[in-house]
C-alpha atoms as a PDB file:
ATOM      1  CA  UNK A   1       0.000   0.000   0.000  1.00  0.00           C
ATOM      2  CA  UNK A   2       1.325   3.407  -0.978  1.00  0.00           C
ATOM      3  CA  UNK A   3       2.086   5.974   1.688  1.00  0.00           C
ATOM      4  CA  UNK A   4       0.885   8.707  -0.640  1.00  0.00           C
ATOM      5  CA  UNK A   5      -2.651   9.993  -1.125  1.00  0.00           C
ATOM      6  CA  UNK A   6      -4.077   9.652  -4.609  1.00  0.00           C
ATOM      7  CA  UNK A   7      -5.960  12.760  -5.594  1.00  0.00           C
ATOM      8  CA  UNK A   8      -8.427  12.732  -8.438  1.00  0.00           C
ATOM      9  CA  UNK A   9      -8.672  16.342  -9.543  1.00  0.00           C
ATOM     10  CA  UNK A  10      -9.936  18.019 -12.684  1.00  0.00           C
ATOM     11  CA  UNK A  11      -7.169  20.278 -13.926  1.00  0.00           C
ATOM     12  CA  UNK A  12      -7.100  22.763 -16.762  1.00  0.00           C
ATOM     13  CA  UNK A  13      -4.439  25.089 -18.049  1.00  0.00           C
ATOM     14  CA  UNK A  14      -5.773  28.074 -16.084  1.00  0.00           C
ATOM     15  CA  UNK A  15      -6.039  26.240 -12.771  1.00  0.00           C
ATOM     16  CA  UNK A  16      -3.453  28.465 -11.088  1.00  0.00           C
ATOM     17  CA  UNK A  17      -4.707  31.710 -12.597  1.00  0.00           C
ATOM     18  CA  UNK A  18      -5.348  33.099  -9.102  1.00  0.00           C
ATOM     19  CA  UNK A  19      -1.711  32.839  -7.961  1.00  0.00           C
ATOM     20  CA  UNK A  20      -0.445  36.192  -9.324  1.00  0.00           C
ATOM     21  CA  UNK A  21      -3.404  37.914  -7.666  1.00  0.00           C
ATOM     22  CA  UNK A  22      -2.788  36.171  -4.327  1.00  0.00           C
ATOM     23  CA  UNK A  23       0.885  37.122  -4.501  1.00  0.00           C
ATOM     24  CA  UNK A  24      -0.001  40.796  -5.060  1.00  0.00           C
ATOM     25  CA  UNK A  25      -2.708  40.967  -2.387  1.00  0.00           C
ATOM     26  CA  UNK A  26      -0.619  39.166   0.250  1.00  0.00           C
ATOM     27  CA  UNK A  27       2.119  41.721  -0.355  1.00  0.00           C
ATOM     28  CA  UNK A  28      -0.298  44.563   0.386  1.00  0.00           C
ATOM     29  CA  UNK A  29      -1.521  43.182   3.705  1.00  0.00           C
ATOM     30  CA  UNK A  30      -0.153  41.898   6.967  1.00  0.00           C
ATOM     31  CA  UNK A  31      -3.198  40.457   8.729  1.00  0.00           C
ATOM     32  CA  UNK A  32      -4.178  36.812   9.066  1.00  0.00           C
ATOM     33  CA  UNK A  33      -5.094  34.796   5.973  1.00  0.00           C
ATOM     34  CA  UNK A  34      -8.160  32.612   5.500  1.00  0.00           C
ATOM     35  CA  UNK A  35      -8.258  29.951   2.779  1.00  0.00           C
ATOM     36  CA  UNK A  36     -11.697  28.533   2.036  1.00  0.00           C
ATOM     37  CA  UNK A  37     -10.996  25.403   0.031  1.00  0.00           C
ATOM     38  CA  UNK A  38      -7.502  23.966  -0.265  1.00  0.00           C
ATOM     39  CA  UNK A  39      -5.946  23.425  -3.654  1.00  0.00           C
ATOM     40  CA  UNK A  40      -2.948  22.237  -5.594  1.00  0.00           C
ATOM     41  CA  UNK A  41      -1.839  25.827  -6.209  1.00  0.00           C
ATOM     42  CA  UNK A  42      -3.173  27.984  -3.365  1.00  0.00           C
ATOM     43  CA  UNK A  43      -2.351  25.849  -0.325  1.00  0.00           C
ATOM     44  CA  UNK A  44       1.390  25.311  -0.868  1.00  0.00           C
ATOM     45  CA  UNK A  45       1.780  28.948  -1.926  1.00  0.00           C
ATOM     46  CA  UNK A  46      -0.122  30.352   1.059  1.00  0.00           C
ATOM     47  CA  UNK A  47       1.638  27.960   3.435  1.00  0.00           C
ATOM     48  CA  UNK A  48       5.066  29.263   2.453  1.00  0.00           C
ATOM     49  CA  UNK A  49       4.011  32.885   1.890  1.00  0.00           C
ATOM     50  CA  UNK A  50       2.741  32.995   5.488  1.00  0.00           C
ATOM     51  CA  UNK A  51       5.795  31.204   6.915  1.00  0.00           C
ATOM     52  CA  UNK A  52       6.896  31.486   9.673  1.00  0.00           C
ATOM     53  CA  UNK A  53       4.547  33.693  11.661  1.00  0.00           C
ATOM     54  CA  UNK A  54       1.617  35.033   9.647  1.00  0.00           C
ATOM     55  CA  UNK A  55      -1.540  33.254  10.743  1.00  0.00           C
ATOM     56  CA  UNK A  56      -3.086  31.037   8.042  1.00  0.00           C
ATOM     57  CA  UNK A  57      -6.308  29.060   8.489  1.00  0.00           C
ATOM     58  CA  UNK A  58      -7.313  26.598   5.739  1.00  0.00           C
ATOM     59  CA  UNK A  59     -10.791  25.065   5.649  1.00  0.00           C
ATOM     60  CA  UNK A  60     -11.605  22.126   3.367  1.00  0.00           C
ATOM     61  CA  UNK A  61     -14.668  19.898   3.126  1.00  0.00           C
ATOM     62  CA  UNK A  62     -13.350  17.298   0.678  1.00  0.00           C
ATOM     63  CA  UNK A  63     -11.371  14.707   2.601  1.00  0.00           C
ATOM     64  CA  UNK A  64      -9.184  13.780  -0.385  1.00  0.00           C
ATOM     65  CA  UNK A  65      -8.008  17.400  -0.730  1.00  0.00           C
ATOM     66  CA  UNK A  66      -7.655  17.816   3.023  1.00  0.00           C
ATOM     67  CA  UNK A  67      -5.457  14.702   3.298  1.00  0.00           C
ATOM     68  CA  UNK A  68      -3.281  15.796   0.366  1.00  0.00           C
ATOM     69  CA  UNK A  69      -1.664  18.405   2.582  1.00  0.00           C
ATOM     70  CA  UNK A  70      -0.963  16.051   5.498  1.00  0.00           C
ATOM     71  CA  UNK A  71       2.791  15.941   4.825  1.00  0.00           C
ATOM     72  CA  UNK A  72       3.859  14.416   8.111  1.00  0.00           C
ATOM     73  CA  UNK A  73       2.671  10.802   8.386  1.00  0.00           C
ATOM     74  CA  UNK A  74       3.040  11.008  12.183  1.00  0.00           C
ATOM     75  CA  UNK A  75       0.383  13.714  12.373  1.00  0.00           C
ATOM     76  CA  UNK A  76      -3.279  12.873  12.308  1.00  0.00           C
ATOM     77  CA  UNK A  77      -5.585  14.626   9.869  1.00  0.00           C
ATOM     78  CA  UNK A  78      -6.799  17.834  11.453  1.00  0.00           C
ATOM     79  CA  UNK A  79      -3.569  18.782  13.148  1.00  0.00           C
ATOM     80  CA  UNK A  80      -1.707  21.939  12.261  1.00  0.00           C
ATOM     81  CA  UNK A  81       1.134  22.062   9.765  1.00  0.00           C
ATOM     82  CA  UNK A  82       3.019  24.412  11.992  1.00  0.00           C
ATOM     83  CA  UNK A  83       2.131  26.863  14.711  1.00  0.00           C
ATOM     84  CA  UNK A  84       1.073  29.445  12.099  1.00  0.00           C
ATOM     85  CA  UNK A  85      -0.980  27.200   9.753  1.00  0.00           C
ATOM     86  CA  UNK A  86      -4.173  25.560  10.992  1.00  0.00           C
ATOM     87  CA  UNK A  87      -6.121  23.137   8.775  1.00  0.00           C
ATOM     88  CA  UNK A  88      -9.728  22.285   9.548  1.00  0.00           C
ATOM     89  CA  UNK A  89     -11.877  19.626   7.902  1.00  0.00           C
ATOM     90  CA  UNK A  90     -15.366  21.059   7.380  1.00  0.00           C
ATOM     91  CA  UNK A  91     -18.560  19.116   7.921  1.00  0.00           C
ATOM     92  CA  UNK A  92     -20.891  22.125   7.758  1.00  0.00           C
ATOM     93  CA  UNK A  93     -19.825  25.460   6.239  1.00  0.00           C
ATOM     94  CA  UNK A  94     -22.452  27.273   8.318  1.00  0.00           C
ATOM     95  CA  UNK A  95     -20.658  26.256  11.507  1.00  0.00           C
ATOM     96  CA  UNK A  96     -17.138  27.500  10.758  1.00  0.00           C
ATOM     97  CA  UNK A  97     -16.026  30.546  12.739  1.00  0.00           C
ATOM     98  CA  UNK A  98     -14.669  33.130  10.293  1.00  0.00           C
ATOM     99  CA  UNK A  99     -15.782  36.194  12.232  1.00  0.00           C
ATOM    100  CA  UNK A 100     -12.368  37.720  12.979  1.00  0.00           C
ATOM    101  CA  UNK A 101     -10.873  40.427  10.759  1.00  0.00           C
ATOM    102  CA  UNK A 102      -8.715  38.941   7.990  1.00  0.00           C
ATOM    103  CA  UNK A 103      -6.046  40.577   5.869  1.00  0.00           C
ATOM    104  CA  UNK A 104      -6.900  38.255   2.976  1.00  0.00           C
ATOM    105  CA  UNK A 105      -9.654  35.715   2.404  1.00  0.00           C
ATOM    106  CA  UNK A 106      -9.305  33.343  -0.542  1.00  0.00           C
ATOM    107  CA  UNK A 107     -12.639  31.845  -1.649  1.00  0.00           C
ATOM    108  CA  UNK A 108     -12.368  28.682  -3.757  1.00  0.00           C
ATOM    109  CA  UNK A 109     -14.285  25.935  -1.933  1.00  0.00           C
ATOM    110  CA  UNK A 110     -16.920  23.350  -2.782  1.00  0.00           C
ATOM    111  CA  UNK A 111     -19.671  23.161  -3.568  1.00  0.00           C
ATOM    112  CA  UNK A 112     -19.169  26.127  -5.892  1.00  0.00           C
ATOM    113  CA  UNK A 113     -22.519  27.847  -5.281  1.00  0.00           C
ATOM    114  CA  UNK A 114     -21.722  27.845  -1.553  1.00  0.00           C
ATOM    115  CA  UNK A 115     -18.871  30.322  -2.132  1.00  0.00           C
ATOM    116  CA  UNK A 116     -21.220  33.296  -2.312  1.00  0.00           C
ATOM    117  CA  UNK A 117     -22.395  32.599   1.240  1.00  0.00           C
ATOM    118  CA  UNK A 118     -18.856  32.902   2.580  1.00  0.00           C
ATOM    119  CA  UNK A 119     -18.369  36.038   0.453  1.00  0.00           C
ATOM    120  CA  UNK A 120     -21.320  37.534   2.313  1.00  0.00           C
ATOM    121  CA  UNK A 121     -19.987  36.376   5.688  1.00  0.00           C
ATOM    122  CA  UNK A 122     -16.574  38.034   5.230  1.00  0.00           C
ATOM    123  CA  UNK A 123     -17.667  41.147   3.303  1.00  0.00           C
ATOM    124  CA  UNK A 124     -17.171  43.404   6.339  1.00  0.00           C
ATOM    125  CA  UNK A 125     -14.315  41.608   8.076  1.00  0.00           C
ATOM    126  CA  UNK A 126     -11.615  41.254   5.407  1.00  0.00           C
ATOM    127  CA  UNK A 127      -9.291  43.791   3.837  1.00  0.00           C
ATOM    128  CA  UNK A 128      -9.396  41.804   0.582  1.00  0.00           C
ATOM    129  CA  UNK A 129     -11.578  38.912  -0.553  1.00  0.00           C
ATOM    130  CA  UNK A 130     -10.047  37.037  -3.484  1.00  0.00           C
ATOM    131  CA  UNK A 131     -12.623  34.910  -5.324  1.00  0.00           C
ATOM    132  CA  UNK A 132     -11.720  32.356  -7.988  1.00  0.00           C
ATOM    133  CA  UNK A 133     -13.790  31.341 -11.040  1.00  0.00           C
ATOM    134  CA  UNK A 134     -15.687  34.631 -11.417  1.00  0.00           C
ATOM    135  CA  UNK A 135     -16.141  34.442 -15.186  1.00  0.00           C
ATOM    136  CA  UNK A 136     -19.444  35.818 -16.447  1.00  0.00           C
ATOM    137  CA  UNK A 137     -20.081  32.657 -18.464  1.00  0.00           C
ATOM    138  CA  UNK A 138     -20.162  30.642 -15.220  1.00  0.00           C
ATOM    139  CA  UNK A 139     -22.447  33.015 -13.331  1.00  0.00           C
ATOM    140  CA  UNK A 140     -25.426  30.732 -13.972  1.00  0.00           C
ATOM    141  CA  UNK A 141     -23.720  28.298 -11.564  1.00  0.00           C
ATOM    142  CA  UNK A 142     -21.909  30.482  -9.015  1.00  0.00           C
ATOM    143  CA  UNK A 143     -24.279  33.476  -9.087  1.00  0.00           C
ATOM    144  CA  UNK A 144     -21.477  35.763  -7.898  1.00  0.00           C
ATOM    145  CA  UNK A 145     -23.135  38.726  -9.592  1.00  0.00           C
ATOM    146  CA  UNK A 146     -25.818  38.683  -6.893  1.00  0.00           C
ATOM    147  CA  UNK A 147     -23.150  39.191  -4.216  1.00  0.00           C
ATOM    148  CA  UNK A 148     -20.694  41.572  -5.892  1.00  0.00           C
ATOM    149  CA  UNK A 149     -22.859  44.564  -4.821  1.00  0.00           C
ATOM    150  CA  UNK A 150     -22.016  43.739  -1.174  1.00  0.00           C
ATOM    151  CA  UNK A 151     -18.550  45.190  -1.838  1.00  0.00           C
ATOM    152  CA  UNK A 152     -17.495  48.792  -2.421  1.00  0.00           C
ATOM    153  CA  UNK A 153     -14.453  47.893  -4.542  1.00  0.00           C
ATOM    154  CA  UNK A 154     -14.020  45.242  -7.219  1.00  0.00           C
ATOM    155  CA  UNK A 155     -11.197  44.352  -9.572  1.00  0.00           C
ATOM    156  CA  UNK A 156     -11.301  41.470 -12.093  1.00  0.00           C
ATOM    157  CA  UNK A 157      -8.382  39.687 -13.723  1.00  0.00           C
ATOM    158  CA  UNK A 158      -8.432  39.126 -17.467  1.00  0.00           C
ATOM    159  CA  UNK A 159      -7.017  35.575 -17.339  1.00  0.00           C
ATOM    160  CA  UNK A 160      -9.292  32.517 -17.552  1.00  0.00           C
ATOM    161  CA  UNK A 161     -10.563  31.418 -15.157  1.00  0.00           C
ATOM    162  CA  UNK A 162     -11.105  34.927 -13.845  1.00  0.00           C
ATOM    163  CA  UNK A 163     -10.248  35.912 -10.297  1.00  0.00           C
ATOM    164  CA  UNK A 164     -11.872  38.917  -8.605  1.00  0.00           C
ATOM    165  CA  UNK A 165     -10.595  41.001  -5.708  1.00  0.00           C
ATOM    166  CA  UNK A 166     -13.342  42.502  -3.560  1.00  0.00           C
ATOM    167  CA  UNK A 167     -13.207  44.838  -0.574  1.00  0.00           C
ATOM    168  CA  UNK A 168     -15.190  47.253   1.513  1.00  0.00           C
ATOM    169  CA  UNK A 169     -12.005  48.773   2.956  1.00  0.00           C
ATOM    170  CA  UNK A 170      -9.308  49.013   0.267  1.00  0.00           C
ATOM    171  CA  UNK A 171      -9.272  49.748  -3.441  1.00  0.00           C
ATOM    172  CA  UNK A 172      -6.737  47.418  -5.078  1.00  0.00           C
ATOM    173  CA  UNK A 173      -6.180  49.963  -7.869  1.00  0.00           C
ATOM    174  CA  UNK A 174      -5.070  52.611  -5.363  1.00  0.00           C
ATOM    175  CA  UNK A 175      -2.936  50.393  -3.125  1.00  0.00           C
END
């Protein structure tokens, strides 16, 4: 039996299109970081970008993704990577506590339509909310357009799949 987790993931060429945006936004902030949905691109980047002492909390509801980032075989699923990075397996998105003020919130979790609920929950307690997959052609599924008005500022990338930066506190274009 292999010691490695097999991850079945749908990948496309633009899968990491959010990374340049995350890099920019993390550089503009110094507060804690919230990752809603772990991923092959965001989680390793955020883990090392926050190292060694910027608080990072990663929530994931898919066990196969959650276990992908369990690097130390001696640790049980659910334990922290390090003192700065906490991982939490989600059973019910409504029950996660995301009420503190965050420097950056990255929204990319499943199920996709659930993302707009977390956008609403962090609209007034995050400097920047970075949301992946915000293409207009997918709005029938995500319905982000119904929640964009909750934010004073909005910036959209031009790369597919689109990533949007939202805020009620800071205008990315003037930062």
